[in-house]
Amino acid sequence: MSWLGRLFGAKPAPAPAANSVLVDQELATQLTAGGSSLDLAVDAALRAYLEAQAKAVAAGEPERIPFWLRRDDERGGDLEEELRDRIIQRQAAEEEENVEGRARRSSKQLELGGH
């Protein structure tokens, strides 16, 4: 109720019925864009959502977490070992790059010195 309504003693809006909800106008417009009435569109949308949730639970994905946020439960919690292995692999790759870089520089120096 607006402050003017409160100032002049206007009656508050009646409360919605127990099984009704308030739907944002933009959402209502999107739901009824296909030409169906709002009650049928809301019913269809809710049923589709509940079916998708039921399928997710049946597939073993009750949370519907996006794949990039999911945790790998199959790893068994050996995160430290996995990180240690990655660090070792990275250090080995960096060392290999350093050796190749030194070999290239020494071969260039030999070429320059020989001419």
N, C-alpha and C. Protein backbone atom coordinates (compact mmCIF):
# COMPACT_ATOMS: atom_id res chain seq x y z
N MET A 1 0.85 -1.15 0.00
CA MET A 1 0.00 0.00 0.00
C MET A 1 0.91 1.23 0.00
N SER A 2 0.53 2.24 -0.76
CA SER A 2 1.34 3.45 -0.84
C SER A 2 1.18 4.30 0.42
N TRP A 3 2.03 5.25 0.56
CA TRP A 3 1.94 6.11 1.75
C TRP A 3 0.69 6.98 1.71
N LEU A 4 0.22 7.31 0.50
CA LEU A 4 -1.03 8.06 0.41
C LEU A 4 -2.21 7.21 0.87
N GLY A 5 -2.18 5.95 0.50
CA GLY A 5 -3.25 5.05 0.94
C GLY A 5 -3.27 4.92 2.44
N ARG A 6 -2.08 4.81 3.02
CA ARG A 6 -2.03 4.72 4.49
C ARG A 6 -2.48 6.02 5.14
N LEU A 7 -2.13 7.15 4.53
CA LEU A 7 -2.49 8.45 5.08
C LEU A 7 -4.00 8.66 5.09
N PHE A 8 -4.64 8.25 4.00
CA PHE A 8 -6.08 8.47 3.89
C PHE A 8 -6.90 7.26 4.30
N GLY A 9 -6.27 6.24 4.83
CA GLY A 9 -6.99 5.10 5.37
C GLY A 9 -7.58 4.16 4.33
N ALA A 10 -6.91 4.00 3.19
CA ALA A 10 -7.41 3.08 2.16
C ALA A 10 -7.27 1.65 2.64
N LYS A 11 -8.14 0.80 2.14
CA LYS A 11 -8.09 -0.62 2.51
C LYS A 11 -6.91 -1.28 1.80
N PRO A 12 -6.20 -2.16 2.48
CA PRO A 12 -5.11 -2.89 1.81
C PRO A 12 -5.69 -3.85 0.77
N ALA A 13 -4.86 -4.20 -0.20
CA ALA A 13 -5.29 -5.15 -1.24
C ALA A 13 -5.62 -6.48 -0.59
N PRO A 14 -6.63 -7.17 -1.11
CA PRO A 14 -6.97 -8.46 -0.52
C PRO A 14 -5.83 -9.46 -0.72
N ALA A 15 -5.65 -10.32 0.24
CA ALA A 15 -4.61 -11.35 0.16
C ALA A 15 -4.98 -12.36 -0.92
N PRO A 16 -4.00 -12.86 -1.65
CA PRO A 16 -4.30 -13.86 -2.67
C PRO A 16 -4.81 -15.15 -2.03
N ALA A 17 -5.53 -15.92 -2.82
CA ALA A 17 -6.04 -17.20 -2.34
C ALA A 17 -4.87 -18.12 -2.00
N ALA A 18 -5.14 -19.17 -1.25
CA ALA A 18 -4.09 -20.07 -0.76
C ALA A 18 -3.32 -20.74 -1.89
N ASN A 19 -3.94 -21.02 -3.01
CA ASN A 19 -3.24 -21.72 -4.09
C ASN A 19 -2.90 -20.78 -5.25
N SER A 20 -2.88 -19.50 -5.01
CA SER A 20 -2.50 -18.56 -6.07
C SER A 20 -1.14 -17.94 -5.72
N VAL A 21 -0.49 -17.47 -6.75
CA VAL A 21 0.81 -16.84 -6.57
C VAL A 21 0.85 -15.55 -7.38
N LEU A 22 1.73 -14.67 -7.00
CA LEU A 22 1.95 -13.45 -7.77
C LEU A 22 3.09 -13.72 -8.74
N VAL A 23 2.85 -13.40 -10.01
CA VAL A 23 3.84 -13.64 -11.05
C VAL A 23 4.25 -12.30 -11.62
N ASP A 24 5.54 -12.09 -11.76
CA ASP A 24 6.06 -10.87 -12.35
C ASP A 24 5.47 -10.69 -13.74
N GLN A 25 5.15 -9.47 -14.11
CA GLN A 25 4.51 -9.20 -15.39
C GLN A 25 5.37 -9.65 -16.56
N GLU A 26 6.68 -9.43 -16.48
CA GLU A 26 7.58 -9.85 -17.56
C GLU A 26 7.55 -11.37 -17.73
N LEU A 27 7.57 -12.09 -16.63
CA LEU A 27 7.51 -13.54 -16.68
C LEU A 27 6.16 -14.00 -17.22
N ALA A 28 5.10 -13.35 -16.79
CA ALA A 28 3.76 -13.71 -17.28
C ALA A 28 3.67 -13.48 -18.78
N THR A 29 4.28 -12.42 -19.27
CA THR A 29 4.28 -12.14 -20.71
C THR A 29 5.02 -13.24 -21.46
N GLN A 30 6.15 -13.67 -20.93
CA GLN A 30 6.90 -14.75 -21.57
C GLN A 30 6.13 -16.05 -21.57
N LEU A 31 5.46 -16.34 -20.46
CA LEU A 31 4.71 -17.59 -20.37
C LEU A 31 3.52 -17.62 -21.32
N THR A 32 2.89 -16.49 -21.52
CA THR A 32 1.69 -16.46 -22.37
C THR A 32 1.99 -16.06 -23.80
N ALA A 33 3.26 -15.97 -24.18
CA ALA A 33 3.63 -15.58 -25.54
C ALA A 33 3.11 -16.57 -26.57
N GLY A 34 2.94 -17.81 -26.19
CA GLY A 34 2.45 -18.83 -27.12
C GLY A 34 0.95 -18.77 -27.34
N GLY A 35 0.25 -17.91 -26.62
CA GLY A 35 -1.18 -17.77 -26.80
C GLY A 35 -2.02 -18.50 -25.77
N SER A 36 -1.41 -19.26 -24.90
CA SER A 36 -2.18 -19.98 -23.88
C SER A 36 -2.47 -19.06 -22.71
N SER A 37 -3.44 -19.44 -21.92
CA SER A 37 -3.77 -18.64 -20.74
C SER A 37 -2.68 -18.80 -19.69
N LEU A 38 -2.60 -17.85 -18.79
CA LEU A 38 -1.54 -17.85 -17.79
C LEU A 38 -1.60 -19.07 -16.89
N ASP A 39 -2.79 -19.48 -16.48
CA ASP A 39 -2.88 -20.63 -15.58
C ASP A 39 -2.38 -21.90 -16.24
N LEU A 40 -2.71 -22.09 -17.53
CA LEU A 40 -2.23 -23.29 -18.24
C LEU A 40 -0.72 -23.22 -18.49
N ALA A 41 -0.23 -22.02 -18.80
CA ALA A 41 1.21 -21.87 -19.06
C ALA A 41 2.02 -22.12 -17.80
N VAL A 42 1.55 -21.61 -16.66
CA VAL A 42 2.26 -21.84 -15.39
C VAL A 42 2.22 -23.32 -15.03
N ASP A 43 1.07 -23.94 -15.22
CA ASP A 43 0.94 -25.37 -14.92
C ASP A 43 1.91 -26.18 -15.78
N ALA A 44 1.96 -25.89 -17.09
CA ALA A 44 2.86 -26.62 -17.99
C ALA A 44 4.32 -26.40 -17.61
N ALA A 45 4.68 -25.16 -17.27
CA ALA A 45 6.07 -24.87 -16.91
C ALA A 45 6.47 -25.59 -15.63
N LEU A 46 5.59 -25.60 -14.64
CA LEU A 46 5.90 -26.28 -13.39
C LEU A 46 6.00 -27.79 -13.58
N ARG A 47 5.11 -28.34 -14.39
CA ARG A 47 5.17 -29.78 -14.66
C ARG A 47 6.46 -30.15 -15.38
N ALA A 48 6.86 -29.34 -16.36
CA ALA A 48 8.11 -29.60 -17.08
C ALA A 48 9.31 -29.53 -16.14
N TYR A 49 9.29 -28.56 -15.25
CA TYR A 49 10.38 -28.43 -14.28
C TYR A 49 10.44 -29.64 -13.36
N LEU A 50 9.29 -30.06 -12.86
CA LEU A 50 9.26 -31.22 -11.95
C LEU A 50 9.68 -32.50 -12.67
N GLU A 51 9.30 -32.64 -13.95
CA GLU A 51 9.73 -33.81 -14.73
C GLU A 51 11.24 -33.81 -14.91
N ALA A 52 11.80 -32.63 -15.19
CA ALA A 52 13.26 -32.53 -15.36
C ALA A 52 13.98 -32.88 -14.06
N GLN A 53 13.44 -32.44 -12.94
CA GLN A 53 14.04 -32.78 -11.65
C GLN A 53 13.95 -34.28 -11.40
N ALA A 54 12.81 -34.89 -11.72
CA ALA A 54 12.66 -36.33 -11.52
C ALA A 54 13.63 -37.11 -12.39
N LYS A 55 13.81 -36.67 -13.64
CA LYS A 55 14.77 -37.33 -14.54
C LYS A 55 16.19 -37.18 -14.02
N ALA A 56 16.50 -36.03 -13.47
CA ALA A 56 17.84 -35.81 -12.92
C ALA A 56 18.10 -36.72 -11.74
N VAL A 57 17.11 -36.89 -10.88
CA VAL A 57 17.27 -37.78 -9.73
C VAL A 57 17.43 -39.21 -10.21
N ALA A 58 16.65 -39.61 -11.22
CA ALA A 58 16.74 -40.96 -11.76
C ALA A 58 18.11 -41.20 -12.40
N ALA A 59 18.70 -40.16 -12.98
CA ALA A 59 20.00 -40.29 -13.62
C ALA A 59 21.15 -40.16 -12.63
N GLY A 60 20.82 -39.92 -11.37
CA GLY A 60 21.86 -39.80 -10.36
C GLY A 60 22.45 -38.41 -10.23
N GLU A 61 21.77 -37.42 -10.74
CA GLU A 61 22.23 -36.04 -10.66
C GLU A 61 21.19 -35.18 -9.94
N PRO A 62 20.96 -35.42 -8.68
CA PRO A 62 19.88 -34.69 -8.01
C PRO A 62 20.12 -33.20 -7.88
N GLU A 63 21.35 -32.76 -7.89
CA GLU A 63 21.63 -31.35 -7.68
C GLU A 63 21.66 -30.54 -8.96
N ARG A 64 21.84 -31.19 -10.09
CA ARG A 64 21.93 -30.52 -11.39
C ARG A 64 23.00 -29.42 -11.37
N ILE A 65 24.16 -29.78 -10.90
CA ILE A 65 25.27 -28.85 -10.86
C ILE A 65 25.90 -28.81 -12.25
N PRO A 66 26.24 -27.63 -12.76
CA PRO A 66 26.89 -27.56 -14.07
C PRO A 66 28.18 -28.36 -14.06
N PHE A 67 28.53 -28.94 -15.21
CA PHE A 67 29.66 -29.85 -15.26
C PHE A 67 30.96 -29.20 -14.82
N TRP A 68 31.10 -27.90 -15.02
CA TRP A 68 32.35 -27.25 -14.64
C TRP A 68 32.45 -27.02 -13.14
N LEU A 69 31.36 -27.22 -12.39
CA LEU A 69 31.40 -27.06 -10.95
C LEU A 69 31.33 -28.39 -10.20
N ARG A 70 31.08 -29.46 -10.93
CA ARG A 70 30.95 -30.76 -10.27
C ARG A 70 32.28 -31.22 -9.71
N ARG A 71 32.21 -31.94 -8.62
CA ARG A 71 33.41 -32.53 -8.04
C ARG A 71 33.50 -33.97 -8.50
N ASP A 72 34.71 -34.43 -8.66
CA ASP A 72 34.94 -35.81 -9.05
C ASP A 72 34.97 -36.65 -7.78
N ASP A 73 33.88 -37.33 -7.48
CA ASP A 73 33.82 -38.16 -6.28
C ASP A 73 34.60 -39.45 -6.44
N GLU A 74 34.90 -39.82 -7.68
CA GLU A 74 35.59 -41.09 -7.92
C GLU A 74 37.06 -41.04 -7.53
N ARG A 75 37.60 -39.85 -7.35
CA ARG A 75 39.02 -39.72 -7.02
C ARG A 75 39.34 -40.24 -5.64
N GLY A 76 38.42 -40.18 -4.74
CA GLY A 76 38.64 -40.72 -3.41
C GLY A 76 39.36 -39.78 -2.47
N GLY A 77 39.50 -38.53 -2.81
CA GLY A 77 40.07 -37.57 -1.88
C GLY A 77 41.59 -37.50 -1.87
N ASP A 78 42.26 -38.03 -2.87
CA ASP A 78 43.71 -37.97 -2.93
C ASP A 78 44.14 -36.71 -3.67
N LEU A 79 43.60 -35.61 -3.25
CA LEU A 79 43.85 -34.35 -3.93
C LEU A 79 45.32 -33.93 -3.81
N GLU A 80 45.90 -34.13 -2.64
CA GLU A 80 47.30 -33.75 -2.45
C GLU A 80 48.22 -34.53 -3.38
N GLU A 81 47.96 -35.83 -3.51
CA GLU A 81 48.79 -36.65 -4.40
C GLU A 81 48.64 -36.19 -5.84
N GLU A 82 47.41 -35.90 -6.24
CA GLU A 82 47.17 -35.46 -7.60
C GLU A 82 47.87 -34.13 -7.88
N LEU A 83 47.80 -33.21 -6.93
CA LEU A 83 48.48 -31.93 -7.09
C LEU A 83 49.99 -32.11 -7.14
N ARG A 84 50.51 -32.99 -6.29
CA ARG A 84 51.95 -33.26 -6.28
C ARG A 84 52.39 -33.82 -7.64
N ASP A 85 51.60 -34.75 -8.19
CA ASP A 85 51.92 -35.32 -9.50
C ASP A 85 51.92 -34.25 -10.58
N ARG A 86 50.94 -33.36 -10.53
CA ARG A 86 50.87 -32.29 -11.53
C ARG A 86 52.07 -31.36 -11.43
N ILE A 87 52.48 -31.06 -10.21
CA ILE A 87 53.65 -30.18 -10.02
C ILE A 87 54.90 -30.85 -10.57
N ILE A 88 55.05 -32.14 -10.30
CA ILE A 88 56.22 -32.88 -10.80
C ILE A 88 56.21 -32.90 -12.32
N GLN A 89 55.04 -33.14 -12.93
CA GLN A 89 54.94 -33.15 -14.39
C GLN A 89 55.29 -31.78 -14.97
N ARG A 90 54.78 -30.74 -14.33
CA ARG A 90 55.05 -29.39 -14.82
C ARG A 90 56.53 -29.05 -14.71
N GLN A 91 57.15 -29.41 -13.58
CA GLN A 91 58.57 -29.13 -13.41
C GLN A 91 59.40 -29.90 -14.44
N ALA A 92 59.00 -31.14 -14.72
CA ALA A 92 59.71 -31.92 -15.73
C ALA A 92 59.58 -31.28 -17.11
N ALA A 93 58.38 -30.80 -17.42
CA ALA A 93 58.17 -30.15 -18.72
C ALA A 93 58.98 -28.86 -18.82
N GLU A 94 59.03 -28.08 -17.74
CA GLU A 94 59.81 -26.85 -17.74
C GLU A 94 61.30 -27.14 -17.88
N GLU A 95 61.76 -28.17 -17.19
CA GLU A 95 63.17 -28.56 -17.29
C GLU A 95 63.50 -28.99 -18.71
N GLU A 96 62.59 -29.72 -19.33
CA GLU A 96 62.80 -30.17 -20.70
C GLU A 96 62.88 -28.97 -21.64
N GLU A 97 62.00 -27.98 -21.44
CA GLU A 97 62.04 -26.77 -22.26
C GLU A 97 63.35 -26.02 -22.05
N ASN A 98 63.82 -25.96 -20.82
CA ASN A 98 65.08 -25.26 -20.54
C ASN A 98 66.26 -25.96 -21.22
N VAL A 99 66.29 -27.28 -21.20
CA VAL A 99 67.37 -28.03 -21.84
C VAL A 99 67.34 -27.80 -23.34
N GLU A 100 66.14 -27.83 -23.94
CA GLU A 100 66.03 -27.60 -25.38
C GLU A 100 66.46 -26.18 -25.73
N GLY A 101 66.08 -25.22 -24.89
CA GLY A 101 66.47 -23.82 -25.14
C GLY A 101 67.97 -23.64 -25.08
N ARG A 102 68.61 -24.28 -24.11
CA ARG A 102 70.07 -24.19 -23.99
C ARG A 102 70.74 -24.84 -25.20
N ALA A 103 70.20 -25.97 -25.65
CA ALA A 103 70.78 -26.66 -26.81
C ALA A 103 70.67 -25.78 -28.05
N ARG A 104 69.54 -25.10 -28.23
CA ARG A 104 69.37 -24.23 -29.39
C ARG A 104 70.35 -23.06 -29.34
N ARG A 105 70.50 -22.48 -28.15
CA ARG A 105 71.41 -21.34 -28.01
C ARG A 105 72.86 -21.75 -28.29
N SER A 106 73.25 -22.91 -27.78
CA SER A 106 74.64 -23.35 -28.00
C SER A 106 74.87 -23.68 -29.46
N SER A 107 73.87 -24.24 -30.14
CA SER A 107 74.06 -24.54 -31.57
C SER A 107 74.12 -23.25 -32.38
N LYS A 108 73.36 -22.23 -31.98
CA LYS A 108 73.43 -20.94 -32.68
C LYS A 108 74.78 -20.29 -32.45
N GLN A 109 75.31 -20.41 -31.25
CA GLN A 109 76.62 -19.82 -30.95
C GLN A 109 77.71 -20.51 -31.77
N LEU A 110 77.58 -21.84 -31.93
CA LEU A 110 78.56 -22.56 -32.74
C LEU A 110 78.48 -22.12 -34.19
N GLU A 111 77.25 -21.91 -34.69
CA GLU A 111 77.09 -21.47 -36.08
C GLU A 111 77.69 -20.09 -36.27
N LEU A 112 77.44 -19.20 -35.32
CA LEU A 112 77.96 -17.84 -35.44
C LEU A 112 79.49 -17.83 -35.34
N GLY A 113 80.03 -18.65 -34.48
CA GLY A 113 81.48 -18.69 -34.30
C GLY A 113 82.19 -19.34 -35.47
N GLY A 114 81.53 -20.25 -36.16
CA GLY A 114 82.15 -20.99 -37.25
C GLY A 114 82.21 -20.20 -38.53
N HIS A 115 81.39 -19.16 -38.71
CA HIS A 115 81.37 -18.40 -39.96
C HIS A 115 82.36 -17.34 -39.99
